[in-house]
Protein backbone atom coordinates (compact mmCIF):
# COMPACT_ATOMS: atom_id res chain seq x y z
CA MET A 1 148.16 86.39 129.94
CA THR A 2 148.73 84.08 126.89
CA ASP A 3 148.45 84.90 123.26
CA THR A 4 145.25 82.87 123.19
CA ASP A 5 143.83 84.88 126.22
CA THR A 6 144.73 88.01 124.51
CA VAL A 7 142.89 86.87 121.12
CA ARG A 8 139.83 86.05 123.13
CA SER A 9 139.77 89.38 125.16
CA GLU A 10 140.15 91.30 121.75
CA ARG A 11 137.28 89.38 120.32
CA THR A 12 135.20 89.88 123.38
CA LEU A 13 135.79 93.59 123.12
CA ARG A 14 134.98 93.88 119.60
CA LEU A 15 131.64 91.94 120.28
CA VAL A 16 130.90 94.63 122.88
CA ARG A 17 131.58 97.47 120.58
CA THR A 18 129.51 95.90 117.89
CA ASP A 19 126.63 95.46 120.27
CA ARG A 20 126.84 99.15 121.32
CA GLU A 21 127.07 100.49 117.96
CA THR A 22 124.17 98.48 116.39
CA PRO A 23 120.94 100.29 116.82
CA PRO A 24 118.12 98.34 118.41
CA GLU A 25 115.60 96.51 116.23
CA PRO A 26 112.65 98.83 115.76
CA LYS A 27 109.54 97.54 117.34
CA PRO A 28 107.17 95.92 114.85
CA GLN A 29 103.97 97.74 114.10
CA ARG A 30 100.73 96.45 114.92
CA GLY A 31 99.42 95.97 111.34
CA GLY A 32 103.01 95.74 109.64
CA ALA A 33 103.25 95.39 106.12
CA LEU A 34 99.85 94.06 105.62
CA GLY A 35 98.32 97.36 107.18
CA ARG A 36 100.26 99.49 104.85
CA VAL A 37 99.11 97.44 101.85
CA LEU A 38 95.61 97.46 102.86
CA GLY A 39 95.80 101.13 103.78
CA LEU A 40 97.00 102.02 100.12
CA ASP A 41 94.02 99.96 98.92
CA LEU A 42 91.76 101.75 100.97
CA ALA A 43 92.98 105.21 99.58
CA ARG A 44 92.49 103.69 95.98
CA ALA A 45 89.00 102.53 96.91
CA LEU A 46 88.04 106.12 98.21
CA ALA A 47 89.68 107.57 94.84
CA ILE A 48 87.47 105.29 92.82
CA PHE A 49 84.28 105.93 94.66
CA GLY A 50 85.14 109.72 94.38
CA MET A 51 85.68 109.28 90.39
CA PHE A 52 82.21 107.55 90.59
CA TYR A 53 80.84 110.57 92.00
CA ALA A 54 82.34 112.99 89.75
CA HIS A 55 80.88 111.07 86.73
CA VAL A 56 77.29 110.31 88.01
CA GLY A 57 77.00 112.57 91.31
CA PRO A 58 75.02 115.67 91.51
CA MET A 59 76.34 118.47 88.90
CA GLN A 60 74.54 121.49 90.10
CA GLU A 61 75.76 124.16 92.55
CA PHE A 62 73.95 124.59 95.84
CA LYS A 63 72.80 127.86 97.43
CA ASN A 64 74.34 126.88 100.74
CA PRO A 65 78.05 127.45 100.32
CA VAL A 66 78.84 124.83 103.10
CA VAL A 67 76.64 122.42 101.35
CA ASP A 68 78.07 123.25 98.06
CA THR A 69 81.65 122.71 99.15
CA ILE A 70 80.83 119.47 100.50
CA MET A 71 79.21 118.17 97.63
CA GLN A 72 82.04 119.24 95.29
CA ILE A 73 84.98 117.85 97.18
CA PRO A 74 85.38 114.61 94.93
CA HIS A 75 85.48 116.73 91.76
CA GLY A 76 89.20 117.10 90.63
CA ARG A 77 90.48 115.56 94.10
CA SER A 78 89.66 112.07 93.23
CA SER A 79 91.49 111.93 89.94
CA ALA A 80 94.36 113.69 91.62
CA LEU A 81 94.45 111.15 94.47
CA PHE A 82 94.47 108.36 91.98
CA ALA A 83 97.35 110.00 90.23
CA ILE A 84 99.34 110.37 93.42
CA LEU A 85 98.71 106.55 94.10
CA ALA A 86 99.86 105.85 90.54
CA GLY A 87 103.18 107.58 91.41
CA LEU A 88 103.42 105.56 94.48
CA SER A 89 102.68 102.39 92.65
CA LEU A 90 105.50 103.30 90.11
CA VAL A 91 108.00 103.26 92.77
CA LEU A 92 106.85 100.11 94.30
CA LEU A 93 106.80 98.24 90.88
CA ALA A 94 110.25 99.73 90.37
CA GLY A 95 111.55 97.92 93.51
CA GLY A 96 110.43 100.19 96.44
CA ARG A 97 112.68 101.82 98.93
CA ARG A 98 115.31 99.07 98.83
CA PRO A 99 118.08 98.83 96.03
CA ARG A 100 117.80 95.92 93.77
CA PRO A 101 120.19 93.96 91.93
CA ALA A 102 120.93 95.17 88.46
CA LEU A 103 119.09 92.22 86.56
CA GLU A 104 116.02 92.70 88.74
CA ARG A 105 115.95 96.50 87.90
CA ARG A 106 116.13 95.77 84.28
CA GLN A 107 113.41 93.24 84.36
CA ARG A 108 111.07 95.67 86.58
CA THR A 109 111.93 98.36 84.10
CA VAL A 110 110.75 96.32 81.03
CA LYS A 111 107.61 95.20 83.01
CA ILE A 112 106.74 98.92 83.75
CA VAL A 113 107.31 99.82 80.09
CA ILE A 114 104.89 97.12 79.08
CA ARG A 115 102.30 98.05 81.73
CA ALA A 116 102.42 101.75 80.22
CA VAL A 117 101.99 100.79 76.59
CA LEU A 118 99.13 98.57 77.49
CA LEU A 119 97.46 101.41 79.53
CA ILE A 120 97.80 103.70 76.65
CA ALA A 121 96.37 101.11 74.35
CA LEU A 122 93.53 100.53 76.66
CA GLY A 123 92.86 104.07 77.23
CA THR A 124 92.76 104.94 73.57
CA ALA A 125 90.45 101.83 72.79
CA LEU A 126 87.91 102.97 75.65
CA THR A 127 87.95 106.52 74.59
CA LEU A 128 87.12 105.68 70.91
CA TRP A 129 84.63 103.05 72.00
CA LEU A 130 82.70 105.16 74.51
CA HIS A 131 83.24 108.45 72.76
CA THR A 132 84.28 110.35 75.86
CA ASP A 133 87.22 112.31 76.96
CA ILE A 134 87.14 111.45 80.68
CA VAL A 135 89.27 108.14 80.30
CA ILE A 136 92.36 108.70 82.21
CA LEU A 137 94.33 105.40 81.54
CA ALA A 138 96.23 106.74 78.42
CA PHE A 139 97.37 109.60 80.50
CA TYR A 140 98.61 107.21 83.24
CA GLY A 141 100.59 105.23 80.90
CA LEU A 142 102.32 108.31 79.57
CA PHE A 143 103.01 109.43 83.14
CA PHE A 144 104.80 106.05 83.86
CA LEU A 145 107.01 106.38 80.85
CA LEU A 146 107.83 110.00 81.51
CA ALA A 147 108.57 109.39 85.32
CA LEU A 148 110.36 105.94 85.00
CA PRO A 149 113.86 107.56 84.62
CA PHE A 150 113.49 109.13 88.21
CA THR A 151 112.47 106.21 90.20
CA ARG A 152 115.54 105.96 91.89
CA CYS A 153 115.77 109.59 93.03
CA GLY A 154 115.46 110.50 96.76
CA VAL A 155 112.68 112.20 98.39
CA LYS A 156 113.95 115.65 98.22
CA THR A 157 114.47 115.39 94.47
CA LEU A 158 111.16 114.07 93.77
CA ALA A 159 109.49 116.71 95.91
CA ALA A 160 111.50 119.44 94.18
CA LEU A 161 110.14 117.88 90.81
CA SER A 162 106.76 117.82 92.14
CA ALA A 163 106.77 121.39 93.15
CA ALA A 164 108.58 122.50 89.88
CA PHE A 165 105.71 121.00 87.79
CA ALA A 166 103.03 122.43 90.14
CA VAL A 167 104.43 125.95 89.74
CA VAL A 168 106.12 126.17 86.27
CA GLY A 169 104.27 123.30 84.71
CA SER A 170 100.75 125.04 85.48
CA VAL A 171 102.09 128.21 84.01
CA VAL A 172 103.16 126.39 80.60
CA PHE A 173 99.92 124.60 80.67
CA TYR A 174 97.94 127.85 80.99
CA TRP A 175 100.06 129.60 78.16
CA ILE A 176 99.76 126.50 75.78
CA SER A 177 95.83 126.25 76.44
CA MET A 178 95.20 129.95 76.14
CA ALA A 179 97.73 130.82 73.36
CA GLN A 180 97.39 127.73 71.16
CA PRO A 181 100.92 127.89 69.86
CA ALA A 182 101.44 126.59 66.42
CA PHE A 183 103.49 123.59 67.43
CA VAL A 184 100.76 122.20 69.45
CA THR A 185 98.21 122.83 66.80
CA ALA A 186 100.33 121.17 64.00
CA LEU A 187 100.90 118.13 66.45
CA ASN A 188 97.32 117.53 66.98
CA ALA A 189 96.51 118.11 63.15
CA HIS A 190 99.00 115.44 62.19
CA ASP A 191 98.63 112.97 65.04
CA PRO A 192 96.68 110.00 63.74
CA ILE A 193 95.35 108.96 66.96
CA THR A 194 94.05 112.73 67.83
CA ARG A 195 92.25 112.61 64.17
CA MET A 196 90.61 109.42 65.14
CA GLY A 197 88.97 111.11 68.34
CA ALA A 198 91.22 109.80 71.12
CA ASP A 199 93.85 111.26 73.07
CA GLY A 200 97.09 111.87 70.95
CA LEU A 201 100.38 112.97 71.95
CA GLY A 202 99.48 116.63 72.10
CA ARG A 203 96.45 116.14 74.34
CA LEU A 204 98.38 113.63 76.51
CA LEU A 205 101.04 116.30 77.14
CA PHE A 206 99.29 119.51 76.95
CA THR A 207 95.60 120.00 76.10
CA GLY A 208 93.55 116.86 77.41
CA LEU A 209 91.76 116.74 80.70
CA TYR A 210 94.56 115.29 82.75
CA PRO A 211 97.79 116.56 80.67
CA ALA A 212 101.14 115.58 81.80
CA VAL A 213 102.15 119.19 82.15
CA PRO A 214 101.33 119.97 84.84
CA TRP A 215 99.86 116.57 86.12
CA LEU A 216 103.38 115.03 86.54
CA ALA A 217 103.21 117.07 89.89
CA TYR A 218 100.85 114.40 91.32
CA ILE A 219 103.12 111.52 89.83
CA PHE A 220 106.30 112.78 91.50
CA ALA A 221 104.45 113.69 94.96
CA GLY A 222 103.26 110.02 94.89
CA MET A 223 106.80 108.83 94.13
CA ALA A 224 108.03 110.86 96.98
CA ILE A 225 105.50 109.47 99.44
CA ALA A 226 106.49 106.10 98.24
CA LYS A 227 110.18 106.63 99.45
CA LEU A 228 109.03 107.32 102.85
CA ASP A 229 108.61 104.70 105.66
CA LEU A 230 104.89 105.11 106.36
CA SER A 231 105.33 102.50 109.38
CA ALA A 232 107.07 105.29 111.19
CA LYS A 233 104.90 107.55 113.46
CA ARG A 234 107.23 110.30 113.02
CA VAL A 235 106.91 110.17 109.32
CA ARG A 236 103.13 109.99 109.53
CA ILE A 237 102.93 113.02 111.71
CA GLY A 238 105.24 114.97 109.26
CA MET A 239 103.46 113.80 106.46
CA ALA A 240 100.09 114.81 107.89
CA SER A 241 101.33 118.27 108.77
CA VAL A 242 102.72 119.01 105.29
CA GLY A 243 99.45 117.79 103.71
CA ALA A 244 97.52 120.08 106.03
CA ALA A 245 99.80 122.97 105.04
CA LEU A 246 99.44 122.35 101.34
CA ALA A 247 95.75 122.07 101.51
CA LEU A 248 95.60 125.37 103.38
CA ALA A 249 98.08 127.06 101.06
CA GLY A 250 96.36 125.85 97.98
CA TYR A 251 92.58 126.56 98.79
CA GLY A 252 92.96 129.20 101.31
CA LEU A 253 95.60 131.26 99.68
CA SER A 254 93.75 130.99 96.48
CA SER A 255 90.40 132.13 97.96
CA ALA A 256 92.28 135.09 99.83
CA LEU A 257 94.15 136.27 96.65
CA GLN A 258 91.10 136.20 94.56
CA LYS A 259 89.11 138.43 96.97
CA VAL A 260 91.92 140.66 96.93
CA LEU A 261 92.06 140.88 93.28
CA SER A 262 88.26 141.42 92.95
CA ALA A 263 88.41 144.18 95.44
CA GLY A 264 91.39 145.86 93.60
CA SER A 265 89.71 145.62 90.37
CA GLY A 266 86.48 147.11 91.74
CA THR A 267 84.31 144.47 90.39
CA GLY A 268 83.09 143.37 93.84
CA GLY A 269 82.21 140.12 92.63
CA ALA A 270 82.83 136.91 94.69
CA ALA A 271 85.94 135.02 94.07
CA THR A 272 85.50 131.64 92.40
CA SER A 273 85.91 129.33 95.15
CA GLY A 274 88.43 126.41 95.00
CA SER A 275 85.71 123.91 95.42
CA SER A 276 83.60 125.18 92.47
CA GLY A 277 82.35 122.34 90.31
CA SER A 278 81.43 124.31 87.31
CA SER A 279 85.13 125.12 86.28
CA GLY A 280 84.54 127.24 83.16
CA ALA A 281 88.34 127.15 82.44
CA ALA A 282 88.64 123.52 82.60
CA SER A 283 91.49 122.00 80.86
CA SER A 284 89.37 120.20 78.37
CA SER A 285 87.74 123.48 76.82
CA MET A 286 90.28 126.18 77.58
CA GLY A 287 91.53 126.54 74.26
CA SER A 288 88.18 126.67 72.43
CA SER A 289 85.87 128.43 75.07
CA GLY A 290 84.34 131.64 73.66
CA THR A 291 84.61 132.89 77.09
CA TRP A 292 88.14 133.42 76.91
CA SER A 293 90.16 134.63 73.99
CA ASP A 294 89.77 132.89 70.75
CA SER A 295 93.07 133.87 69.10
CA MET A 296 96.48 135.38 69.99
CA SER A 297 95.31 138.66 68.83
CA GLY A 298 92.95 139.06 71.78
CA PHE A 299 95.23 137.09 74.32
CA ASP A 300 96.10 139.23 77.30
CA PRO A 301 97.95 137.02 79.93
CA TRP A 302 97.65 139.86 82.52
CA SER A 303 94.06 140.74 82.17
CA SER A 304 91.92 140.62 85.27
CA ASP A 305 89.93 137.48 84.20
CA MET A 306 93.27 135.71 83.35
CA LEU A 307 94.76 136.51 86.93
CA GLN A 308 91.54 135.65 88.34
CA PHE A 309 91.76 132.21 86.52
CA LEU A 310 95.58 131.65 87.69
CA LEU A 311 94.55 132.51 91.17
CA SER A 312 91.69 129.84 91.26
CA ALA A 313 91.78 126.38 92.59
CA SER A 314 88.74 125.09 90.48
CA PRO A 315 88.76 121.13 89.61
CA HIS A 316 90.87 120.56 86.66
CA SER A 317 91.97 124.12 86.36
CA GLY A 318 95.54 122.91 86.43
CA THR A 319 96.62 125.97 88.29
CA ALA A 320 99.39 125.80 90.93
CA PHE A 321 96.92 126.35 93.70
CA GLU A 322 94.81 123.46 92.68
CA LEU A 323 97.66 121.14 92.21
CA LEU A 324 98.95 122.18 95.81
CA GLY A 325 95.74 121.74 97.48
CA ASN A 326 94.76 118.45 95.87
CA ILE A 327 98.34 117.15 96.78
CA GLY A 328 97.76 118.11 100.58
CA ILE A 329 94.40 116.37 100.50
CA ALA A 330 95.77 113.18 99.01
CA MET A 331 98.71 113.30 101.64
CA LEU A 332 96.01 113.51 104.32
CA VAL A 333 93.93 110.66 102.84
CA ILE A 334 96.84 108.19 102.24
CA VAL A 335 98.45 108.86 105.79
CA GLY A 336 95.15 108.45 107.44
CA SER A 337 94.23 105.29 105.64
CA VAL A 338 97.41 103.62 106.08
CA ALA A 339 97.62 104.70 109.96
CA LEU A 340 94.03 103.35 110.42
CA LEU A 341 94.78 99.96 108.89
CA ASP A 342 98.11 99.74 110.23
CA ARG A 343 97.06 99.95 113.84
CA SER A 344 93.60 98.56 114.08
CA ALA A 345 92.89 94.83 113.22
CA LEU A 346 89.17 95.59 113.90
CA ALA A 347 89.22 98.20 111.20
CA ARG A 348 91.21 95.89 108.77
CA LYS A 349 88.35 93.15 109.21
CA LEU A 350 85.36 95.74 108.99
CA LEU A 351 86.78 97.51 105.74
CA THR A 352 87.72 94.23 104.06
CA PRO A 353 85.10 94.87 101.29
CA ILE A 354 86.29 98.37 100.83
CA THR A 355 90.10 97.39 100.43
CA ALA A 356 89.06 94.39 97.92
CA ALA A 357 87.57 97.23 95.77
CA GLY A 358 90.88 99.22 96.02
CA ALA A 359 92.77 96.07 95.18
CA MET A 360 90.59 95.89 91.85
CA SER A 361 90.86 99.43 91.07
CA LEU A 362 91.71 99.05 87.30
CA THR A 363 88.90 96.42 86.70
CA LEU A 364 86.30 98.55 88.61
CA TYR A 365 87.34 101.88 86.73
CA VAL A 366 86.84 100.13 83.40
CA ALA A 367 83.61 98.59 84.47
CA HIS A 368 82.14 101.89 85.61
CA LEU A 369 82.96 103.44 82.33
CA TRP A 370 81.03 100.77 80.46
CA ALA A 371 78.36 101.20 82.98
CA LEU A 372 77.97 104.99 82.26
CA ASN A 373 76.59 104.26 78.95
CA HIS A 374 73.82 102.38 80.50
CA VAL A 375 72.65 105.00 83.08
CA PRO A 376 70.52 108.35 82.48
CA SER A 377 72.98 111.27 82.11
CA ASN A 378 72.74 113.49 85.10
CA SER A 379 72.28 117.02 83.89
CA GLU A 380 72.72 120.17 86.15
CA GLY A 381 69.01 120.23 86.42
CA GLY A 382 68.62 116.55 87.66
CA ALA A 383 67.25 115.75 91.07
CA VAL A 384 70.01 115.42 93.72
CA SER A 385 68.55 112.52 95.39
CA ALA A 386 68.35 110.46 92.08
CA ALA A 387 72.03 111.30 91.40
CA LEU A 388 73.04 110.22 94.83
CA ALA A 389 71.16 106.98 94.40
CA VAL A 390 73.01 106.11 91.08
CA TRP A 391 76.30 106.98 92.74
CA GLY A 392 75.50 104.80 95.71
CA TRP A 393 74.53 101.89 93.47
CA PHE A 394 77.87 102.36 91.61
CA CYS A 395 79.89 102.08 94.90
CA LEU A 396 77.79 99.14 96.31
CA GLY A 397 77.94 97.34 92.86
CA GLY A 398 81.73 97.80 92.90
CA ILE A 399 82.17 96.75 96.60
CA VAL A 400 80.05 93.54 96.08
CA LEU A 401 81.81 92.46 92.82
CA ALA A 402 85.34 93.16 94.39
CA PHE A 403 84.58 91.27 97.61
CA ALA A 404 82.87 88.07 95.87
CA TRP A 405 85.77 87.89 93.33
CA SER A 406 88.54 88.27 96.10
CA ARG A 407 87.09 85.32 97.82
CA PHE A 408 88.17 83.05 94.90
CA PHE A 409 90.80 84.81 92.99
CA LYS A 410 94.18 86.81 94.24
CA ARG A 411 93.73 89.54 91.63
CA GLY A 412 91.01 91.10 89.65
CA PRO A 413 90.43 90.10 86.16
CA LEU A 414 92.17 93.24 84.42
CA GLU A 415 94.90 93.20 87.21
CA ASN A 416 95.55 89.44 86.53
CA ALA A 417 95.66 89.94 82.62
CA MET A 418 98.17 92.88 83.36
CA GLN A 419 100.14 90.65 85.53
CA TRP A 420 100.37 88.00 82.78
CA ALA A 421 101.05 90.50 79.88
CA THR A 422 103.87 91.79 81.71
CA SER A 423 105.39 88.42 82.56
CA PRO A 424 107.75 88.22 79.44
CA ALA A 425 109.89 90.98 81.35
CA ARG A 426 111.25 87.99 83.21
CA LEU A 427 113.17 86.84 80.07
CA VAL A 428 115.31 90.02 80.21
CA ARG A 429 118.90 89.28 80.96
């Protein structure tokens, strides 16, 4: 054999080894990236429609416990789903699962910072204009800034952060809301935004309706989901299993422990269900409600009432059980939406108007806040049918507006404005 033949043989052997060592290309999914994008838009649409329901839907409790549970599902869970999707979007804005060049990472970071500042400004302006505390945008802006340093973390790290904020953060939130420590009182007293009537730093972090502590549990959960390959069947099955387990642990364990506590204390009262919409200890009123302690002198963190609250999973209670249960439900909604639109071309076609609404979630959210000032307020004694009709019109109006707009424009009006406002990030070098 000549030297040339030897070289050819060695090259052939290397090629054979390379072919054997190279894993086969994965089979393309039916819907591909489009199905995953539309699946996330579907989940956003469901979150938006749920928030519509929470603001204009029936407020009263129903005698039938099954009906009451069903009617209360959107409360608390819709905003949690929206927050988890925000965490997912944060990772996508930062570059997604693939590593990016240093220059692109810097530009994306600046774009996220600009977006966060604009959300804080927009949320503050809407709160002052509409005189309401339900606006969530300023909280989202702060969430983005606080979570931005963790966008390059892996799934396990992000999941651990989510669990830490769900457990430890909920206790910190509870203590601050109930004890009203001096530093929080001073922060609120000297914050000009709080004094103007909007959500200042103290409310954004601790005492508002969507406080960063413990709501960062939702953001980190969404960031962890964004690191997963949702096109893989194995990942979807695992995510659905974890979501179901978290939902069962959050809501089921909460109900069981509350019943045990009630029996042990001899009250015999029914435990507050995890789906109760009344939420007397909601975060927006915990610090000032006369139902609880009004000062540190009467504050007993281990009283039966306090423990009953900590074991609850009521909407916006901020307890670990509510957080874990909401994360589980959100995971099921996201994986179900992505799987449906990834595999079914018919579903993608039929649900186009709905996904169009999800793609314009910021615009529709702001539009619905404006519309709230032009519809009758739904009190707890209002007619259920009337409230459901108002909710239906809100959903239908959002779908029609988004679908019509999408026929002519790539992005919604506020989405396009946000894209334009963050474009100076390209100048970063």
